[in-house]
Amino acid sequence: MLTISFIQDNRDKILKGLVKRNFKNAVETLDQVLEKDALRKSSQTKLENTLAESNKLSKEIGGFFQRGEVAKANEAKEKTGQLKILSKELGDEVARLKVEVNQLLYLIPNVPHESVPSGSSEEDNEEIFKEGDIPKLHDKALPHWELASKYDIIDFELGVKITGAGFPVYKGKGAKLQRALIAYFLDKNSDAGYEEVQPPYLVNEASGIATGQLPDKEGQMYHDAKDDLYLIPTAEVPVTNFYRDVLVKESDFPILTTAYTPCFRREAGSYGAHVRGLNRLHQFDKVEIVRVEHPDKSYQALDGMVDHVKEILRELKLPFRVLRLCGGDIGFTSALTFDFEVFSTAQDRWLEVSSISNFESFQANRLKLRFKDENGKSQLAHTLNGSSLALPRILASILENYQTPEGIKVPEALVKYTGFDIID
């Protein structure tokens, strides 16, 4: 969430960034925020003056009685009563205006970094890096959903029976390969200095608001209305909320955390051949990395996260590319996002496997996540997160790119985790 002071000082810069995002009604929304906040400040000043006058009169009443000035005392008591009513009205008005200002601020996305390209959709994203040779498959190569059936390692129909579409059942070597990937990713992240944690899979409303998933404008979160809890769409939500309402020390930076969780997304409106098999699920596994950084170091940290994911994909020997997302495709809370895609040879298409983002102070403002600088001044920290990695499309790419007439080979980096080197 943008701060009022940032909007006041950078209105033109914000408007330019929101144009890049194709955000409608930017001028009107920013002006409404500033107007309502000005009204809030005016009401707050009136409230403080009213309370001060009331307190002054209250102190004078005793003196009037002591001096026998009963009429003045009664007049002051009557005026104090009126001021109490007025202060209650002003207090309610200040509270209402605070809510209205925040509701408007919740509508405004983060300001894109200057390097974010303009564009309206994923077609306008910029490819900035590509590595790896696309394997040549044998003549009878299959997409992963057919391989899953052939080798009995993923049962999509059983998942439909138990729950519905988008909830696959992993079996045998498929389940072991899935577990191997989770362990491998966590080990790689731990070796890079990330502390492993196991967070809850359900979060409250405050947590969803703090990281920007709520208000849920696209209806993508599963919600339990009775307990008012939300199934997490990513470990980013609970892990980042570890630091909600926390004042960290400048010496604590960088704060590095990694977590494995299942993730739950309604994926409303998703259908078609491009979402077959593991390409898009309602429940999937993901290993996440989250960083809390000093503002001066956050973009250096973002580059480090990109390099970290590159190294993992190199070890898995999967062809991949990195995209810088355009203004029309970048997430609501992000200032800059890099997407990683691996090439699925059997499907002849690129599959997204990771998003790595710098939110700058956007989440930290909602989180009230601050630190004291060397001068003792309180500042907002920067938050970052990335998939390291999301499993469904990584697994799909391994199955498709590593298939041979004899079976599906297991990437060398995973053999020590699986205990086998081929699925046959």
Protein backbone atom coordinates (compact mmCIF):
# COMPACT_ATOMS: atom_id res chain seq x y z
CA MET A 1 0.00 0.00 0.00
CA LEU A 2 1.31 3.42 -0.91
CA THR A 3 1.75 5.92 1.90
CA ILE A 4 -0.05 9.25 1.90
CA SER A 5 3.23 11.13 2.13
CA PHE A 6 4.59 9.23 -0.88
CA ILE A 7 1.48 10.13 -2.90
CA GLN A 8 1.75 13.78 -1.87
CA ASP A 9 5.43 13.99 -2.82
CA ASN A 10 5.36 11.82 -5.97
CA ARG A 11 1.95 12.29 -7.56
CA ASP A 12 3.27 12.70 -11.13
CA LYS A 13 5.64 9.74 -10.81
CA ILE A 14 2.82 7.56 -9.49
CA LEU A 15 0.46 8.59 -12.28
CA LYS A 16 3.13 7.77 -14.87
CA GLY A 17 3.62 4.35 -13.31
CA LEU A 18 -0.11 3.64 -13.11
CA VAL A 19 -0.44 4.48 -16.81
CA LYS A 20 2.19 1.80 -17.45
CA ARG A 21 -0.03 -0.60 -15.50
CA ASN A 22 -3.12 0.47 -17.48
CA PHE A 23 -4.78 1.40 -14.18
CA LYS A 24 -8.06 3.19 -14.83
CA ASN A 25 -9.24 6.27 -12.94
CA ALA A 26 -5.76 6.89 -11.56
CA VAL A 27 -6.13 10.68 -11.33
CA GLU A 28 -9.56 10.46 -9.69
CA THR A 29 -8.46 7.83 -7.18
CA LEU A 30 -5.31 9.68 -6.12
CA ASP A 31 -7.21 12.95 -5.82
CA GLN A 32 -9.90 11.26 -3.71
CA VAL A 33 -7.24 9.87 -1.39
CA LEU A 34 -5.65 13.29 -0.91
CA GLU A 35 -9.02 15.06 -0.48
CA LYS A 36 -10.30 12.58 2.09
CA ASP A 37 -7.01 12.61 3.95
CA ALA A 38 -7.15 16.42 4.05
CA LEU A 39 -10.66 16.16 5.52
CA ARG A 40 -9.37 13.61 8.03
CA LYS A 41 -6.56 15.94 9.10
CA SER A 42 -8.99 18.86 9.42
CA SER A 43 -11.37 16.78 11.52
CA GLN A 44 -8.48 15.51 13.62
CA THR A 45 -7.37 19.10 14.31
CA LYS A 46 -10.93 20.08 15.27
CA LEU A 47 -11.14 17.03 17.53
CA GLU A 48 -7.88 17.89 19.29
CA ASN A 49 -8.96 21.52 19.75
CA THR A 50 -12.36 20.43 21.07
CA LEU A 51 -10.81 18.03 23.57
CA ALA A 52 -8.35 20.69 24.68
CA GLU A 53 -11.18 23.21 25.23
CA SER A 54 -13.23 20.60 27.09
CA ASN A 55 -10.32 19.74 29.37
CA LYS A 56 -9.69 23.42 30.06
CA LEU A 57 -13.32 24.03 31.02
CA SER A 58 -13.39 20.93 33.20
CA LYS A 59 -10.48 22.29 35.22
CA GLU A 60 -12.16 25.71 35.54
CA ILE A 61 -15.46 24.33 36.87
CA GLY A 62 -14.00 23.53 40.30
CA GLY A 63 -12.60 27.03 40.59
CA PHE A 64 -15.96 28.59 39.74
CA PHE A 65 -17.65 26.60 42.51
CA GLN A 66 -14.93 27.48 45.01
CA ARG A 67 -15.38 31.17 44.28
CA GLY A 68 -19.15 30.84 44.48
CA GLU A 69 -19.64 31.56 40.78
CA VAL A 70 -22.36 28.93 40.41
CA ALA A 71 -23.84 30.37 37.21
CA LYS A 72 -20.47 30.30 35.48
CA ALA A 73 -19.86 26.76 36.75
CA ASN A 74 -23.21 25.55 35.38
CA GLU A 75 -22.59 27.34 32.10
CA ALA A 76 -19.20 25.67 31.84
CA LYS A 77 -20.72 22.27 32.66
CA GLU A 78 -23.30 22.73 29.93
CA LYS A 79 -20.61 23.79 27.45
CA THR A 80 -18.49 20.77 28.45
CA GLY A 81 -21.42 18.48 27.74
CA GLN A 82 -21.83 20.01 24.29
CA LEU A 83 -18.12 19.63 23.61
CA LYS A 84 -18.25 15.95 24.61
CA ILE A 85 -21.01 15.39 22.06
CA LEU A 86 -19.04 17.27 19.43
CA SER A 87 -15.82 15.36 20.21
CA LYS A 88 -17.72 12.06 19.85
CA GLU A 89 -19.03 13.18 16.46
CA LEU A 90 -15.59 14.33 15.35
CA GLY A 91 -13.98 11.11 16.60
CA ASP A 92 -16.46 9.06 14.59
CA GLU A 93 -15.80 11.22 11.55
CA VAL A 94 -12.03 10.78 11.85
CA ALA A 95 -12.44 7.01 12.17
CA ARG A 96 -14.78 6.90 9.16
CA LEU A 97 -12.42 8.95 7.01
CA LYS A 98 -9.47 6.73 7.98
CA VAL A 99 -11.41 3.69 6.78
CA GLU A 100 -12.41 5.44 3.56
CA VAL A 101 -8.83 6.53 2.86
CA ASN A 102 -7.55 2.98 3.43
CA GLN A 103 -10.26 1.53 1.20
CA LEU A 104 -9.11 3.81 -1.60
CA LEU A 105 -5.45 3.01 -0.95
CA TYR A 106 -6.28 -0.72 -1.21
CA LEU A 107 -7.40 -0.07 -4.80
CA ILE A 108 -4.09 1.44 -5.91
CA PRO A 109 -1.43 -1.03 -7.10
CA ASN A 110 2.28 -0.62 -6.51
CA VAL A 111 4.23 1.79 -8.68
CA PRO A 112 6.28 -0.18 -11.25
CA HIS A 113 10.04 0.11 -11.23
CA GLU A 114 11.39 2.32 -14.01
CA SER A 115 12.72 -0.77 -15.83
CA VAL A 116 9.25 -2.32 -16.19
CA PRO A 117 8.19 -2.15 -19.85
CA SER A 118 4.82 -0.85 -20.93
CA GLY A 119 2.33 -3.40 -22.19
CA SER A 120 -1.13 -4.81 -21.74
CA SER A 121 -0.59 -8.57 -21.50
CA GLU A 122 1.97 -11.39 -21.27
CA GLU A 123 2.62 -10.91 -24.98
CA ASP A 124 4.43 -7.68 -24.08
CA ASN A 125 6.81 -9.21 -21.52
CA GLU A 126 10.53 -8.92 -22.30
CA GLU A 127 12.75 -11.96 -22.61
CA ILE A 128 16.04 -10.97 -20.96
CA PHE A 129 17.79 -14.34 -20.65
CA LYS A 130 17.66 -17.82 -22.17
CA GLU A 131 19.76 -20.89 -21.52
CA GLY A 132 19.78 -24.61 -22.27
CA ASP A 133 19.32 -26.80 -25.29
CA ILE A 134 15.85 -28.02 -26.15
CA PRO A 135 16.05 -31.82 -26.25
CA LYS A 136 15.07 -33.78 -29.33
CA LEU A 137 12.51 -36.38 -28.34
CA HIS A 138 11.79 -39.72 -29.93
CA ASP A 139 8.97 -40.08 -32.45
CA LYS A 140 6.44 -41.43 -29.93
CA ALA A 141 7.01 -38.77 -27.28
CA LEU A 142 3.94 -37.93 -25.18
CA PRO A 143 2.71 -34.95 -23.13
CA HIS A 144 2.98 -35.41 -19.39
CA TRP A 145 -0.69 -36.24 -18.78
CA GLU A 146 -0.36 -39.25 -21.09
CA LEU A 147 2.98 -40.22 -19.54
CA ALA A 148 1.33 -40.03 -16.11
CA SER A 149 -1.27 -42.55 -17.21
CA LYS A 150 1.21 -44.78 -19.07
CA TYR A 151 3.50 -45.17 -16.05
CA ASP A 152 0.71 -44.90 -13.44
CA ILE A 153 2.40 -42.08 -11.52
CA ILE A 154 -0.32 -39.39 -11.46
CA ASP A 155 -4.06 -40.14 -11.40
CA PHE A 156 -6.08 -37.15 -12.53
CA GLU A 157 -9.41 -39.00 -12.62
CA LEU A 158 -9.04 -40.23 -9.06
CA GLY A 159 -8.51 -36.65 -7.99
CA VAL A 160 -11.73 -35.67 -9.79
CA LYS A 161 -13.58 -38.47 -7.96
CA ILE A 162 -12.28 -37.42 -4.55
CA THR A 163 -12.44 -33.64 -4.93
CA GLY A 164 -12.80 -32.31 -8.47
CA ALA A 165 -10.72 -31.20 -11.44
CA GLY A 166 -7.38 -29.66 -10.55
CA PHE A 167 -6.64 -31.95 -7.57
CA PRO A 168 -4.40 -34.76 -8.89
CA VAL A 169 -3.27 -37.82 -6.93
CA TYR A 170 0.46 -38.61 -7.14
CA LYS A 171 1.31 -42.30 -6.94
CA GLY A 172 4.34 -44.54 -6.61
CA LYS A 173 7.40 -43.09 -8.29
CA GLY A 174 5.40 -39.97 -9.14
CA ALA A 175 4.84 -39.26 -5.44
CA LYS A 176 8.48 -40.00 -4.66
CA LEU A 177 9.67 -37.69 -7.44
CA GLN A 178 7.40 -34.98 -6.07
CA ARG A 179 8.83 -35.46 -2.55
CA ALA A 180 12.35 -35.50 -3.98
CA LEU A 181 11.83 -32.13 -5.67
CA ILE A 182 10.53 -30.58 -2.44
CA ALA A 183 13.52 -31.85 -0.46
CA TYR A 184 15.96 -30.79 -3.18
CA PHE A 185 14.55 -27.26 -3.39
CA LEU A 186 14.57 -26.84 0.40
CA ASP A 187 18.15 -28.08 0.62
CA LYS A 188 19.27 -25.70 -2.13
CA ASN A 189 17.58 -22.80 -0.37
CA SER A 190 19.00 -23.74 3.03
CA ASP A 191 22.49 -24.00 1.54
CA ALA A 192 22.01 -20.46 0.20
CA GLY A 193 21.33 -19.14 3.69
CA TYR A 194 17.52 -19.31 3.90
CA GLU A 195 16.07 -20.50 7.20
CA GLU A 196 13.52 -23.28 6.72
CA VAL A 197 10.13 -22.85 8.42
CA GLN A 198 6.78 -24.64 8.37
CA PRO A 199 3.97 -22.06 8.45
CA PRO A 200 0.17 -22.59 8.76
CA TYR A 201 -1.80 -23.27 5.58
CA LEU A 202 -4.73 -21.11 6.70
CA VAL A 203 -4.48 -17.38 7.42
CA ASN A 204 -6.79 -14.75 8.87
CA GLU A 205 -8.07 -11.68 7.08
CA ALA A 206 -5.41 -9.40 8.54
CA SER A 207 -2.66 -11.58 7.06
CA GLY A 208 -4.30 -11.58 3.62
CA ILE A 209 -4.65 -7.80 3.67
CA ALA A 210 -1.06 -7.32 4.84
CA THR A 211 0.48 -9.09 1.82
CA GLY A 212 -2.08 -7.78 -0.69
CA GLN A 213 -4.13 -10.91 -1.40
CA LEU A 214 -7.13 -9.19 0.16
CA PRO A 215 -9.32 -7.55 -0.92
CA ASP A 216 -9.57 -10.56 -3.29
CA LYS A 217 -10.55 -8.70 -6.43
CA GLU A 218 -10.34 -11.77 -8.67
CA GLY A 219 -11.95 -14.26 -6.30
CA GLN A 220 -8.97 -16.62 -6.34
CA MET A 221 -8.77 -17.55 -2.65
CA TYR A 222 -10.63 -20.37 -0.94
CA HIS A 223 -12.49 -18.97 2.07
CA ASP A 224 -13.98 -20.69 5.12
CA ALA A 225 -16.79 -18.32 6.04
CA LYS A 226 -17.55 -19.89 9.44
CA ASP A 227 -14.07 -19.28 10.87
CA ASP A 228 -13.23 -16.45 8.44
CA LEU A 229 -9.97 -18.10 7.39
CA TYR A 230 -8.37 -18.36 3.96
CA LEU A 231 -6.42 -21.23 2.41
CA ILE A 232 -3.05 -19.84 1.37
CA PRO A 233 -2.32 -19.27 -2.35
CA THR A 234 1.42 -19.35 -1.55
CA ALA A 235 3.74 -19.59 1.46
CA GLU A 236 4.52 -15.92 0.86
CA VAL A 237 1.39 -14.98 2.81
CA PRO A 238 2.03 -16.65 6.19
CA VAL A 239 5.82 -16.30 6.05
CA THR A 240 5.80 -12.56 5.25
CA ASN A 241 3.28 -12.11 8.05
CA PHE A 242 5.85 -13.40 10.54
CA TYR A 243 7.07 -9.81 10.41
CA ARG A 244 3.73 -7.99 10.66
CA ASP A 245 3.83 -5.23 13.31
CA VAL A 246 7.54 -5.91 13.88
CA LEU A 247 10.33 -3.36 14.33
CA VAL A 248 13.48 -5.12 13.17
CA LYS A 249 17.03 -4.03 13.80
CA GLU A 250 19.06 -2.72 10.89
CA SER A 251 21.66 -5.33 11.82
CA ASP A 252 19.07 -8.09 11.24
CA PHE A 253 19.18 -7.58 7.46
CA PRO A 254 19.01 -9.59 5.33
CA ILE A 255 16.24 -11.81 6.74
CA LEU A 256 15.97 -14.95 4.57
CA THR A 257 13.24 -17.57 4.94
CA THR A 258 12.16 -20.61 2.91
CA ALA A 259 9.10 -22.80 3.27
CA TYR A 260 7.36 -25.70 1.57
CA THR A 261 3.56 -25.62 1.54
CA PRO A 262 0.69 -26.84 -0.55
CA CYS A 263 -0.96 -23.89 -2.30
CA PHE A 264 -4.64 -23.40 -3.07
CA ARG A 265 -6.06 -21.27 -5.87
CA ARG A 266 -9.53 -21.27 -7.35
CA GLU A 267 -8.13 -20.27 -10.77
CA ALA A 268 -11.57 -18.97 -11.66
CA GLY A 269 -12.20 -18.82 -15.40
CA SER A 270 -9.27 -21.09 -16.35
CA TYR A 271 -10.08 -23.67 -18.98
CA GLY A 272 -8.90 -25.04 -22.33
CA ALA A 273 -6.11 -27.25 -23.65
CA HIS A 274 -3.40 -25.01 -22.18
CA VAL A 275 -4.46 -25.99 -18.65
CA ARG A 276 -4.47 -29.77 -19.14
CA GLY A 277 -2.71 -32.07 -16.70
CA LEU A 278 -0.37 -30.25 -14.33
CA ASN A 279 -0.38 -26.98 -16.26
CA ARG A 280 -2.88 -25.35 -13.90
CA LEU A 281 -4.17 -26.79 -10.64
CA HIS A 282 -6.35 -25.77 -7.71
CA GLN A 283 -3.96 -27.48 -5.26
CA PHE A 284 -0.24 -27.74 -5.88
CA ASP A 285 3.06 -27.84 -4.01
CA LYS A 286 5.57 -25.03 -3.96
CA VAL A 287 8.77 -24.09 -2.17
CA GLU A 288 9.02 -20.35 -1.55
CA ILE A 289 11.80 -17.96 -0.62
CA VAL A 290 11.02 -14.71 1.22
CA ARG A 291 13.40 -11.88 2.03
CA VAL A 292 13.14 -8.78 4.22
CA GLU A 293 15.76 -6.28 3.14
CA HIS A 294 17.14 -2.82 3.75
CA PRO A 295 15.70 -0.53 1.04
CA ASP A 296 19.20 0.20 -0.28
CA LYS A 297 19.90 -3.49 -0.82
CA SER A 298 16.60 -4.88 -2.13
CA TYR A 299 17.40 -4.78 -5.86
CA GLN A 300 20.76 -6.38 -5.27
CA ALA A 301 18.86 -9.05 -3.34
CA LEU A 302 16.41 -9.47 -6.24
CA ASP A 303 19.30 -10.14 -8.62
CA GLY A 304 20.66 -12.69 -6.16
CA MET A 305 17.31 -14.49 -6.06
CA VAL A 306 17.23 -14.64 -9.86
CA ASP A 307 20.73 -16.11 -9.94
CA HIS A 308 19.74 -18.65 -7.29
CA VAL A 309 16.81 -19.98 -9.35
CA LYS A 310 18.98 -20.03 -12.48
CA GLU A 311 21.42 -22.33 -10.67
CA ILE A 312 18.65 -24.74 -9.67
CA LEU A 313 17.35 -25.00 -13.24
CA ARG A 314 20.90 -25.50 -14.52
CA GLU A 315 21.33 -28.42 -12.14
CA LEU A 316 18.05 -29.92 -13.33
CA LYS A 317 19.30 -29.40 -16.90
CA LEU A 318 16.04 -27.88 -18.08
CA PRO A 319 16.00 -25.27 -20.87
CA PHE A 320 14.69 -22.03 -19.40
CA ARG A 321 14.27 -18.35 -20.02
CA VAL A 322 13.72 -15.27 -17.85
CA LEU A 323 11.11 -12.61 -18.61
CA ARG A 324 10.76 -9.10 -17.24
CA LEU A 325 7.02 -8.63 -16.83
CA CYS A 326 5.36 -5.63 -18.43
CA GLY A 327 3.11 -3.17 -16.63
CA GLY A 328 -0.05 -4.95 -17.73
CA ASP A 329 1.08 -8.37 -16.49
CA ILE A 330 2.89 -7.54 -13.26
CA GLY A 331 1.19 -8.44 -9.98
CA PHE A 332 -0.79 -5.87 -7.99
CA THR A 333 1.75 -5.61 -5.15
CA SER A 334 4.96 -5.91 -7.17
CA ALA A 335 7.31 -3.16 -8.29
CA LEU A 336 9.36 -5.49 -10.50
CA THR A 337 8.85 -9.17 -11.34
CA PHE A 338 10.93 -11.70 -13.25
CA ASP A 339 9.22 -14.85 -14.46
CA PHE A 340 11.09 -18.06 -15.14
CA GLU A 341 9.75 -20.40 -17.81
CA VAL A 342 10.95 -23.86 -18.76
CA PHE A 343 10.42 -25.32 -22.21
CA SER A 344 8.11 -28.30 -22.49
CA THR A 345 9.27 -30.11 -25.60
CA ALA A 346 6.28 -32.46 -25.80
CA GLN A 347 3.84 -29.54 -25.59
CA ASP A 348 6.11 -27.25 -27.65
CA ARG A 349 5.53 -24.33 -25.28
CA TRP A 350 7.07 -22.41 -22.41
CA LEU A 351 5.68 -23.08 -18.93
CA GLU A 352 5.98 -20.59 -16.06
CA VAL A 353 7.69 -22.16 -13.03
CA SER A 354 8.68 -19.17 -10.90
CA SER A 355 7.94 -15.52 -10.26
CA ILE A 356 10.47 -13.46 -8.32
CA SER A 357 9.33 -10.03 -7.16
CA ASN A 358 10.45 -6.97 -5.27
CA PHE A 359 7.51 -5.30 -3.52
CA GLU A 360 9.69 -2.48 -2.18
CA SER A 361 7.78 -0.95 0.78
CA PHE A 362 4.29 -1.72 -0.58
CA GLN A 363 3.70 -4.80 1.58
CA ALA A 364 5.76 -3.42 4.46
CA ASN A 365 3.41 -0.43 4.76
CA ARG A 366 0.44 -2.77 5.16
CA LEU A 367 2.47 -5.01 7.47
CA LYS A 368 3.77 -2.07 9.50
CA LEU A 369 7.17 -3.72 9.09
CA ARG A 370 9.80 -1.17 10.02
CA PHE A 371 13.39 -0.79 11.12
CA LYS A 372 15.38 1.96 12.80
CA ASP A 373 18.18 3.39 10.71
CA GLU A 374 21.55 4.54 12.03
CA ASN A 375 20.02 7.90 12.96
CA GLY A 376 17.27 6.24 14.99
CA LYS A 377 14.59 7.10 12.43
CA SER A 378 11.89 4.50 11.76
CA GLN A 379 11.66 3.41 8.10
CA LEU A 380 9.70 0.85 6.12
CA ALA A 381 11.64 -2.26 5.12
CA HIS A 382 11.46 -3.87 1.66
CA THR A 383 9.99 -7.34 1.08
CA LEU A 384 10.71 -9.79 -1.73
CA ASN A 385 9.59 -13.29 -2.57
CA GLY A 386 9.98 -15.92 -5.23
CA SER A 387 9.10 -19.49 -6.17
CA SER A 388 12.05 -21.76 -5.63
CA LEU A 389 10.30 -23.58 -7.11
CA ALA A 390 6.66 -24.34 -8.02
CA LEU A 391 6.40 -28.07 -8.61
CA PRO A 392 3.60 -28.87 -11.11
CA ARG A 393 5.17 -27.45 -14.26
CA ILE A 394 8.70 -28.40 -13.19
CA LEU A 395 7.45 -31.97 -12.80
CA ALA A 396 5.62 -31.76 -16.15
CA SER A 397 8.78 -30.53 -17.87
CA ILE A 398 10.93 -33.25 -16.31
CA LEU A 399 8.49 -35.95 -17.38
CA GLU A 400 8.30 -34.63 -20.94
CA ASN A 401 11.91 -33.56 -21.53
CA TYR A 402 13.49 -36.60 -19.88
CA GLN A 403 11.30 -39.22 -21.56
CA THR A 404 12.98 -41.97 -23.62
CA PRO A 405 11.64 -45.11 -25.32
CA GLU A 406 12.77 -47.06 -22.23
CA GLY A 407 11.16 -44.77 -19.66
CA ILE A 408 11.53 -41.39 -17.99
CA LYS A 409 15.02 -40.65 -16.73
CA VAL A 410 15.40 -38.85 -13.39
CA PRO A 411 17.62 -35.73 -13.41
CA GLU A 412 21.00 -36.55 -11.93
CA ALA A 413 20.58 -33.94 -9.19
CA LEU A 414 17.49 -35.76 -7.89
CA VAL A 415 18.67 -39.39 -7.91
CA LYS A 416 20.03 -39.23 -4.35
CA TYR A 417 16.58 -38.05 -3.23
CA THR A 418 14.47 -40.53 -5.25
CA GLY A 419 16.63 -43.63 -4.86
CA PHE A 420 15.97 -44.52 -8.52
CA ASP A 421 17.18 -43.10 -11.84
CA ILE A 422 14.32 -44.06 -14.18
CA ILE A 423 10.56 -44.36 -14.17
CA ASP A 424 9.62 -47.41 -16.26
